[in-house]
Amino acid sequence: MGVLDHVSEYFDCSSGDSKRHRSLQTVDVRVLIDCEGCERKVRRALEGMNGVRDVAIEPNAQKVTVVGYVEPNKVVARIIHRTGKRAELYPYVPYDVVAHPYASGVYDNRAPVGYVRNTEYDPHVSRLARASSTEVRYTTAFSDENASGCGVM
């Protein structure tokens, strides 16, 4: 941002409702990147977008990270439109973030090393992956693998 951008914020005469300020975001997108040409094509498409501050591409993880004043859906649409590649929001998170990384629906063979599927918003993963600590405590109390579990079973 230049000096004029900072000064214009102080002397803005438009109403606050008509102009919507976006917050700085980090958007992770999954894009199939085969070669340096694909990487260059994706980088050029995103660097020309309004509000983009930084573009980082990890070809091994098939991941593009965009930092700026952008909306995630517009970033994905821009990649699809400009490059013709299939793109989606990055569905993987580090396995340390998830409570049960090896539960059904969370572990994914296609995920990069050290990453599993994000279970927070995905309704298709198993309930155990999204279970709270009290639910886990009750379900494991009656498990055959729990040596100090309930003797009723």
N, C-alpha and C. Protein backbone atom coordinates (compact mmCIF):
# COMPACT_ATOMS: atom_id res chain seq x y z
N MET A 1 0.83 -1.18 0.00
CA MET A 1 0.00 0.00 0.00
C MET A 1 0.88 1.24 0.00
N GLY A 2 0.45 2.19 -0.80
CA GLY A 2 1.20 3.42 -0.88
C GLY A 2 0.71 4.45 0.11
N VAL A 3 1.33 5.59 0.08
CA VAL A 3 0.99 6.68 0.99
C VAL A 3 -0.42 7.17 0.71
N LEU A 4 -0.80 7.25 -0.56
CA LEU A 4 -2.14 7.72 -0.91
C LEU A 4 -3.24 6.81 -0.37
N ASP A 5 -2.98 5.51 -0.33
CA ASP A 5 -3.97 4.60 0.22
C ASP A 5 -4.20 4.86 1.70
N HIS A 6 -3.12 5.10 2.44
CA HIS A 6 -3.25 5.38 3.87
C HIS A 6 -3.97 6.70 4.11
N VAL A 7 -3.63 7.71 3.33
CA VAL A 7 -4.24 9.02 3.50
C VAL A 7 -5.71 8.98 3.09
N SER A 8 -6.03 8.24 2.03
CA SER A 8 -7.42 8.20 1.56
C SER A 8 -8.34 7.53 2.58
N GLU A 9 -7.82 6.66 3.43
CA GLU A 9 -8.66 6.05 4.46
C GLU A 9 -9.12 7.08 5.49
N TYR A 10 -8.32 8.10 5.74
CA TYR A 10 -8.69 9.13 6.70
C TYR A 10 -9.70 10.13 6.12
N PHE A 11 -9.66 10.33 4.81
CA PHE A 11 -10.53 11.30 4.17
C PHE A 11 -11.59 10.65 3.31
N ASP A 12 -12.06 9.50 3.70
CA ASP A 12 -13.06 8.77 2.94
C ASP A 12 -14.43 9.41 3.17
N CYS A 13 -15.06 9.89 2.12
CA CYS A 13 -16.35 10.57 2.24
C CYS A 13 -17.52 9.64 1.95
N SER A 14 -17.25 8.43 1.50
CA SER A 14 -18.35 7.51 1.19
C SER A 14 -18.93 6.95 2.48
N SER A 15 -20.16 6.46 2.38
CA SER A 15 -20.79 5.89 3.57
C SER A 15 -20.14 4.55 3.89
N GLY A 16 -20.16 4.16 5.13
CA GLY A 16 -19.51 2.92 5.56
C GLY A 16 -20.17 1.67 5.05
N ASP A 17 -21.46 1.73 4.71
CA ASP A 17 -22.16 0.54 4.26
C ASP A 17 -21.84 0.17 2.82
N SER A 18 -21.56 1.17 1.99
CA SER A 18 -21.35 0.88 0.58
C SER A 18 -19.98 0.28 0.32
N LYS A 19 -19.01 0.57 1.15
CA LYS A 19 -17.66 0.06 0.95
C LYS A 19 -17.36 -0.99 2.02
N ARG A 20 -17.09 -2.18 1.58
CA ARG A 20 -16.84 -3.26 2.52
C ARG A 20 -15.33 -3.51 2.59
N HIS A 21 -14.76 -3.42 3.78
CA HIS A 21 -13.34 -3.68 3.97
C HIS A 21 -13.14 -5.16 4.26
N ARG A 22 -12.23 -5.76 3.53
CA ARG A 22 -11.92 -7.17 3.77
C ARG A 22 -10.73 -7.26 4.70
N SER A 23 -10.67 -8.33 5.44
CA SER A 23 -9.54 -8.53 6.35
C SER A 23 -8.46 -9.34 5.65
N LEU A 24 -7.25 -9.24 6.16
CA LEU A 24 -6.13 -9.99 5.61
C LEU A 24 -6.33 -11.46 5.91
N GLN A 25 -6.27 -12.29 4.88
CA GLN A 25 -6.52 -13.72 5.04
C GLN A 25 -5.41 -14.53 4.41
N THR A 26 -5.30 -15.77 4.88
CA THR A 26 -4.43 -16.75 4.26
C THR A 26 -5.32 -17.85 3.70
N VAL A 27 -5.27 -18.05 2.40
CA VAL A 27 -6.11 -19.02 1.72
C VAL A 27 -5.22 -20.12 1.17
N ASP A 28 -5.53 -21.37 1.52
CA ASP A 28 -4.81 -22.52 1.00
C ASP A 28 -5.68 -23.21 -0.04
N VAL A 29 -5.11 -23.44 -1.22
CA VAL A 29 -5.83 -24.05 -2.33
C VAL A 29 -5.05 -25.26 -2.81
N ARG A 30 -5.77 -26.32 -3.13
CA ARG A 30 -5.14 -27.52 -3.66
C ARG A 30 -5.26 -27.49 -5.18
N VAL A 31 -4.10 -27.50 -5.86
CA VAL A 31 -4.04 -27.45 -7.32
C VAL A 31 -3.00 -28.47 -7.77
N LEU A 32 -3.32 -29.23 -8.81
CA LEU A 32 -2.37 -30.19 -9.35
C LEU A 32 -1.29 -29.43 -10.14
N ILE A 33 -0.06 -29.50 -9.64
CA ILE A 33 1.06 -28.82 -10.27
C ILE A 33 2.07 -29.88 -10.69
N ASP A 34 2.23 -30.05 -12.00
CA ASP A 34 3.10 -31.09 -12.54
C ASP A 34 4.53 -30.61 -12.79
N CYS A 35 4.65 -29.38 -13.26
CA CYS A 35 5.96 -28.92 -13.70
C CYS A 35 6.14 -27.44 -13.35
N GLU A 36 7.30 -26.90 -13.74
CA GLU A 36 7.57 -25.49 -13.47
C GLU A 36 6.67 -24.58 -14.29
N GLY A 37 6.25 -25.04 -15.46
CA GLY A 37 5.35 -24.25 -16.28
C GLY A 37 3.99 -24.08 -15.62
N CYS A 38 3.48 -25.16 -15.02
CA CYS A 38 2.21 -25.08 -14.28
C CYS A 38 2.34 -24.13 -13.09
N GLU A 39 3.46 -24.23 -12.42
CA GLU A 39 3.69 -23.36 -11.26
C GLU A 39 3.72 -21.89 -11.68
N ARG A 40 4.40 -21.61 -12.78
CA ARG A 40 4.49 -20.24 -13.29
C ARG A 40 3.11 -19.72 -13.73
N LYS A 41 2.33 -20.59 -14.36
CA LYS A 41 0.99 -20.20 -14.82
C LYS A 41 0.08 -19.85 -13.65
N VAL A 42 0.11 -20.65 -12.59
CA VAL A 42 -0.71 -20.39 -11.40
C VAL A 42 -0.24 -19.12 -10.70
N ARG A 43 1.06 -18.93 -10.60
CA ARG A 43 1.60 -17.74 -9.94
C ARG A 43 1.20 -16.46 -10.67
N ARG A 44 1.28 -16.47 -12.00
CA ARG A 44 0.90 -15.29 -12.78
C ARG A 44 -0.59 -14.99 -12.65
N ALA A 45 -1.41 -16.02 -12.61
CA ALA A 45 -2.86 -15.82 -12.48
C ALA A 45 -3.21 -15.18 -11.15
N LEU A 46 -2.50 -15.57 -10.10
CA LEU A 46 -2.83 -15.05 -8.76
C LEU A 46 -2.18 -13.71 -8.46
N GLU A 47 -0.99 -13.47 -8.98
CA GLU A 47 -0.31 -12.21 -8.70
C GLU A 47 -1.02 -11.03 -9.36
N GLY A 48 -1.77 -11.28 -10.42
CA GLY A 48 -2.50 -10.21 -11.08
C GLY A 48 -3.84 -9.91 -10.43
N MET A 49 -4.20 -10.64 -9.41
CA MET A 49 -5.50 -10.47 -8.75
C MET A 49 -5.43 -9.33 -7.74
N ASN A 50 -6.51 -8.55 -7.67
CA ASN A 50 -6.56 -7.43 -6.72
C ASN A 50 -6.56 -7.94 -5.29
N GLY A 51 -5.75 -7.31 -4.43
CA GLY A 51 -5.71 -7.64 -3.02
C GLY A 51 -4.69 -8.68 -2.63
N VAL A 52 -4.06 -9.35 -3.59
CA VAL A 52 -3.09 -10.40 -3.28
C VAL A 52 -1.77 -9.76 -2.87
N ARG A 53 -1.25 -10.17 -1.72
CA ARG A 53 0.02 -9.65 -1.21
C ARG A 53 1.18 -10.62 -1.44
N ASP A 54 0.91 -11.94 -1.29
CA ASP A 54 1.98 -12.92 -1.43
C ASP A 54 1.40 -14.24 -1.93
N VAL A 55 2.16 -14.92 -2.78
CA VAL A 55 1.77 -16.22 -3.30
C VAL A 55 2.92 -17.19 -3.03
N ALA A 56 2.63 -18.28 -2.33
CA ALA A 56 3.63 -19.32 -2.07
C ALA A 56 3.11 -20.63 -2.63
N ILE A 57 3.94 -21.33 -3.39
CA ILE A 57 3.53 -22.57 -4.04
C ILE A 57 4.42 -23.70 -3.56
N GLU A 58 3.79 -24.80 -3.10
CA GLU A 58 4.49 -26.02 -2.70
C GLU A 58 4.11 -27.12 -3.68
N PRO A 59 4.92 -27.37 -4.71
CA PRO A 59 4.53 -28.35 -5.73
C PRO A 59 4.42 -29.79 -5.20
N ASN A 60 5.24 -30.16 -4.22
CA ASN A 60 5.18 -31.52 -3.69
C ASN A 60 3.89 -31.79 -2.92
N ALA A 61 3.37 -30.78 -2.25
CA ALA A 61 2.14 -30.92 -1.48
C ALA A 61 0.91 -30.54 -2.30
N GLN A 62 1.12 -30.09 -3.57
CA GLN A 62 0.02 -29.64 -4.43
C GLN A 62 -0.75 -28.52 -3.75
N LYS A 63 -0.03 -27.58 -3.15
CA LYS A 63 -0.65 -26.55 -2.32
C LYS A 63 -0.19 -25.16 -2.76
N VAL A 64 -1.16 -24.25 -2.86
CA VAL A 64 -0.89 -22.86 -3.17
C VAL A 64 -1.42 -22.03 -2.00
N THR A 65 -0.58 -21.21 -1.41
CA THR A 65 -0.97 -20.37 -0.29
C THR A 65 -0.99 -18.92 -0.75
N VAL A 66 -2.14 -18.28 -0.59
CA VAL A 66 -2.32 -16.89 -1.01
C VAL A 66 -2.59 -16.05 0.24
N VAL A 67 -1.81 -14.99 0.42
CA VAL A 67 -2.01 -14.07 1.53
C VAL A 67 -2.43 -12.73 0.95
N GLY A 68 -3.52 -12.20 1.48
CA GLY A 68 -3.98 -10.91 0.99
C GLY A 68 -5.40 -10.61 1.41
N TYR A 69 -5.92 -9.55 0.85
CA TYR A 69 -7.28 -9.12 1.13
C TYR A 69 -8.19 -9.71 0.05
N VAL A 70 -8.38 -11.02 0.11
CA VAL A 70 -9.13 -11.76 -0.91
C VAL A 70 -10.17 -12.66 -0.26
N GLU A 71 -11.11 -13.11 -1.08
CA GLU A 71 -12.09 -14.09 -0.64
C GLU A 71 -11.69 -15.45 -1.18
N PRO A 72 -11.79 -16.51 -0.35
CA PRO A 72 -11.34 -17.84 -0.78
C PRO A 72 -12.02 -18.34 -2.05
N ASN A 73 -13.32 -18.13 -2.18
CA ASN A 73 -14.03 -18.63 -3.36
C ASN A 73 -13.57 -17.92 -4.63
N LYS A 74 -13.24 -16.65 -4.53
CA LYS A 74 -12.76 -15.91 -5.69
C LYS A 74 -11.37 -16.35 -6.11
N VAL A 75 -10.54 -16.75 -5.14
CA VAL A 75 -9.21 -17.26 -5.47
C VAL A 75 -9.33 -18.57 -6.24
N VAL A 76 -10.19 -19.46 -5.77
CA VAL A 76 -10.39 -20.74 -6.45
C VAL A 76 -10.95 -20.51 -7.85
N ALA A 77 -11.93 -19.62 -7.97
CA ALA A 77 -12.53 -19.34 -9.27
C ALA A 77 -11.50 -18.74 -10.24
N ARG A 78 -10.62 -17.91 -9.73
CA ARG A 78 -9.60 -17.29 -10.58
C ARG A 78 -8.63 -18.34 -11.12
N ILE A 79 -8.22 -19.27 -10.25
CA ILE A 79 -7.30 -20.33 -10.70
C ILE A 79 -7.97 -21.18 -11.77
N ILE A 80 -9.22 -21.55 -11.56
CA ILE A 80 -9.93 -22.38 -12.52
C ILE A 80 -10.09 -21.64 -13.85
N HIS A 81 -10.47 -20.38 -13.79
CA HIS A 81 -10.73 -19.60 -15.00
C HIS A 81 -9.46 -19.32 -15.79
N ARG A 82 -8.41 -18.89 -15.11
CA ARG A 82 -7.18 -18.47 -15.80
C ARG A 82 -6.30 -19.63 -16.26
N THR A 83 -6.26 -20.72 -15.47
CA THR A 83 -5.33 -21.80 -15.80
C THR A 83 -6.02 -23.02 -16.40
N GLY A 84 -7.32 -23.18 -16.16
CA GLY A 84 -8.02 -24.36 -16.64
C GLY A 84 -7.78 -25.59 -15.77
N LYS A 85 -7.11 -25.41 -14.66
CA LYS A 85 -6.83 -26.52 -13.75
C LYS A 85 -7.94 -26.67 -12.73
N ARG A 86 -8.11 -27.89 -12.24
CA ARG A 86 -9.08 -28.12 -11.18
C ARG A 86 -8.48 -27.64 -9.87
N ALA A 87 -9.25 -26.86 -9.12
CA ALA A 87 -8.77 -26.31 -7.85
C ALA A 87 -9.86 -26.43 -6.81
N GLU A 88 -9.45 -26.61 -5.57
CA GLU A 88 -10.38 -26.66 -4.44
C GLU A 88 -9.66 -26.13 -3.21
N LEU A 89 -10.43 -25.71 -2.22
CA LEU A 89 -9.80 -25.29 -0.97
C LEU A 89 -9.06 -26.47 -0.38
N TYR A 90 -7.92 -26.21 0.21
CA TYR A 90 -7.04 -27.28 0.70
C TYR A 90 -7.71 -28.05 1.83
N PRO A 91 -7.98 -29.34 1.63
CA PRO A 91 -8.75 -30.10 2.62
C PRO A 91 -7.91 -30.71 3.74
N TYR A 92 -6.60 -30.52 3.74
CA TYR A 92 -5.75 -31.19 4.71
C TYR A 92 -5.22 -30.22 5.77
N VAL A 93 -5.04 -30.75 6.97
CA VAL A 93 -4.44 -30.00 8.08
C VAL A 93 -3.37 -30.89 8.70
N PRO A 94 -2.43 -30.32 9.47
CA PRO A 94 -1.44 -31.16 10.14
C PRO A 94 -2.11 -32.15 11.10
N TYR A 95 -1.57 -33.34 11.21
CA TYR A 95 -2.21 -34.38 12.02
C TYR A 95 -2.25 -34.03 13.50
N ASP A 96 -1.43 -33.09 13.96
CA ASP A 96 -1.44 -32.68 15.36
C ASP A 96 -2.71 -31.93 15.73
N VAL A 97 -3.37 -31.32 14.76
CA VAL A 97 -4.56 -30.51 15.01
C VAL A 97 -5.79 -31.37 15.28
N VAL A 98 -5.84 -32.56 14.68
CA VAL A 98 -7.01 -33.43 14.76
C VAL A 98 -6.90 -34.33 15.99
N ALA A 99 -8.02 -34.54 16.70
CA ALA A 99 -8.02 -35.36 17.91
C ALA A 99 -7.73 -36.82 17.62
N HIS A 100 -8.31 -37.37 16.55
CA HIS A 100 -8.13 -38.79 16.19
C HIS A 100 -7.69 -38.88 14.74
N PRO A 101 -6.38 -38.76 14.47
CA PRO A 101 -5.93 -38.70 13.08
C PRO A 101 -6.09 -40.01 12.31
N TYR A 102 -6.26 -41.14 12.98
CA TYR A 102 -6.37 -42.41 12.26
C TYR A 102 -7.79 -42.94 12.24
N ALA A 103 -8.78 -42.12 12.60
CA ALA A 103 -10.18 -42.53 12.55
C ALA A 103 -10.63 -42.64 11.10
N SER A 104 -11.68 -43.38 10.90
CA SER A 104 -12.22 -43.58 9.57
C SER A 104 -12.67 -42.24 8.98
N GLY A 105 -12.26 -41.96 7.75
CA GLY A 105 -12.63 -40.72 7.09
C GLY A 105 -11.65 -39.59 7.30
N VAL A 106 -10.74 -39.73 8.25
CA VAL A 106 -9.77 -38.67 8.52
C VAL A 106 -8.45 -39.00 7.84
N TYR A 107 -7.99 -40.21 8.01
CA TYR A 107 -6.73 -40.63 7.40
C TYR A 107 -6.95 -40.77 5.90
N ASP A 108 -6.08 -40.17 5.11
CA ASP A 108 -6.21 -40.19 3.67
C ASP A 108 -4.86 -40.54 3.06
N ASN A 109 -4.83 -41.58 2.22
CA ASN A 109 -3.57 -42.00 1.60
C ASN A 109 -3.02 -40.95 0.64
N ARG A 110 -3.89 -40.13 0.07
CA ARG A 110 -3.45 -39.12 -0.89
C ARG A 110 -2.92 -37.86 -0.23
N ALA A 111 -3.07 -37.74 1.08
CA ALA A 111 -2.61 -36.55 1.79
C ALA A 111 -1.09 -36.53 1.84
N PRO A 112 -0.49 -35.35 1.85
CA PRO A 112 0.97 -35.26 2.01
C PRO A 112 1.40 -35.82 3.37
N VAL A 113 2.65 -36.12 3.50
CA VAL A 113 3.18 -36.68 4.74
C VAL A 113 2.95 -35.69 5.89
N GLY A 114 2.38 -36.18 6.98
CA GLY A 114 2.14 -35.35 8.15
C GLY A 114 0.81 -34.62 8.13
N TYR A 115 -0.03 -34.86 7.12
CA TYR A 115 -1.31 -34.20 7.00
C TYR A 115 -2.44 -35.22 6.98
N VAL A 116 -3.59 -34.82 7.50
CA VAL A 116 -4.82 -35.63 7.44
C VAL A 116 -5.96 -34.72 7.02
N ARG A 117 -7.10 -35.31 6.71
CA ARG A 117 -8.27 -34.55 6.27
C ARG A 117 -8.83 -33.72 7.42
N ASN A 118 -9.28 -32.52 7.11
CA ASN A 118 -9.86 -31.62 8.11
C ASN A 118 -11.24 -32.15 8.50
N THR A 119 -11.45 -32.41 9.78
CA THR A 119 -12.71 -32.99 10.25
C THR A 119 -13.67 -31.97 10.82
N GLU A 120 -13.24 -30.74 10.94
CA GLU A 120 -14.05 -29.75 11.63
C GLU A 120 -15.37 -29.47 10.92
N TYR A 121 -15.34 -29.34 9.61
CA TYR A 121 -16.55 -28.95 8.89
C TYR A 121 -17.07 -30.03 7.94
N ASP A 122 -16.40 -31.16 7.88
CA ASP A 122 -16.79 -32.20 6.92
C ASP A 122 -17.77 -33.17 7.56
N PRO A 123 -19.03 -33.24 7.09
CA PRO A 123 -20.01 -34.14 7.70
C PRO A 123 -19.81 -35.60 7.31
N HIS A 124 -18.94 -35.89 6.35
CA HIS A 124 -18.78 -37.25 5.86
C HIS A 124 -17.76 -38.07 6.65
N VAL A 125 -17.06 -37.47 7.58
CA VAL A 125 -16.09 -38.22 8.38
C VAL A 125 -16.81 -38.87 9.56
N SER A 126 -16.17 -39.84 10.17
CA SER A 126 -16.81 -40.57 11.25
C SER A 126 -17.05 -39.69 12.47
N ARG A 127 -18.01 -40.06 13.28
CA ARG A 127 -18.34 -39.28 14.47
C ARG A 127 -17.23 -39.33 15.50
N LEU A 128 -16.44 -40.40 15.53
CA LEU A 128 -15.35 -40.52 16.48
C LEU A 128 -14.31 -39.43 16.24
N ALA A 129 -14.09 -39.07 14.99
CA ALA A 129 -13.09 -38.05 14.69
C ALA A 129 -13.51 -36.69 15.22
N ARG A 130 -14.81 -36.44 15.31
CA ARG A 130 -15.31 -35.15 15.80
C ARG A 130 -15.76 -35.23 17.25
N ALA A 131 -15.56 -36.37 17.91
CA ALA A 131 -16.06 -36.58 19.27
C ALA A 131 -15.34 -35.68 20.27
N SER A 132 -16.09 -35.21 21.25
CA SER A 132 -15.49 -34.41 22.31
C SER A 132 -14.81 -35.36 23.30
N SER A 133 -14.09 -34.82 24.25
CA SER A 133 -13.35 -35.65 25.20
C SER A 133 -14.29 -36.48 26.08
N THR A 134 -15.47 -35.95 26.43
CA THR A 134 -16.40 -36.74 27.26
C THR A 134 -16.97 -37.90 26.47
N GLU A 135 -17.26 -37.70 25.19
CA GLU A 135 -17.76 -38.80 24.36
C GLU A 135 -16.71 -39.89 24.23
N VAL A 136 -15.46 -39.50 24.04
CA VAL A 136 -14.38 -40.47 23.91
C VAL A 136 -14.22 -41.23 25.21
N ARG A 137 -14.32 -40.55 26.35
CA ARG A 137 -14.16 -41.20 27.65
C ARG A 137 -15.25 -42.26 27.84
N TYR A 138 -16.49 -41.96 27.48
CA TYR A 138 -17.57 -42.92 27.65
C TYR A 138 -17.47 -44.09 26.67
N THR A 139 -17.06 -43.82 25.44
CA THR A 139 -16.98 -44.92 24.48
C THR A 139 -15.81 -45.84 24.78
N THR A 140 -14.72 -45.32 25.31
CA THR A 140 -13.58 -46.19 25.63
C THR A 140 -13.75 -46.88 26.97
N ALA A 141 -14.65 -46.44 27.83
CA ALA A 141 -14.87 -47.09 29.12
C ALA A 141 -15.42 -48.49 28.93
N PHE A 142 -16.18 -48.73 27.86
CA PHE A 142 -16.78 -50.03 27.60
C PHE A 142 -16.06 -50.79 26.49
N SER A 143 -14.84 -50.43 26.24
CA SER A 143 -14.07 -51.07 25.17
C SER A 143 -13.37 -52.31 25.72
N ASP A 144 -13.21 -53.34 24.87
CA ASP A 144 -12.48 -54.54 25.24
C ASP A 144 -10.99 -54.26 25.40
N GLU A 145 -10.50 -53.23 24.75
CA GLU A 145 -9.09 -52.90 24.82
C GLU A 145 -8.73 -52.16 26.09
N ASN A 146 -9.72 -51.66 26.84
CA ASN A 146 -9.47 -50.91 28.06
C ASN A 146 -9.41 -51.91 29.23
N ALA A 147 -8.22 -52.11 29.78
CA ALA A 147 -8.04 -53.09 30.84
C ALA A 147 -8.73 -52.70 32.14
N SER A 148 -8.85 -51.42 32.41
CA SER A 148 -9.49 -50.98 33.62
C SER A 148 -10.94 -50.54 33.38
N GLY A 149 -11.52 -51.04 32.29
CA GLY A 149 -12.87 -50.64 31.90
C GLY A 149 -13.93 -51.34 32.76
N CYS A 150 -15.14 -51.12 32.40
CA CYS A 150 -16.28 -51.65 33.14
C CYS A 150 -16.33 -53.18 33.00
N GLY A 151 -16.66 -53.86 34.10
CA GLY A 151 -16.71 -55.31 34.09
C GLY A 151 -18.07 -55.85 33.67
N VAL A 152 -19.01 -54.98 33.35
CA VAL A 152 -20.35 -55.42 32.94
C VAL A 152 -20.30 -56.17 31.62
N MET A 153 -19.43 -55.73 30.75
CA MET A 153 -19.35 -56.37 29.45
C MET A 153 -18.70 -57.70 29.64
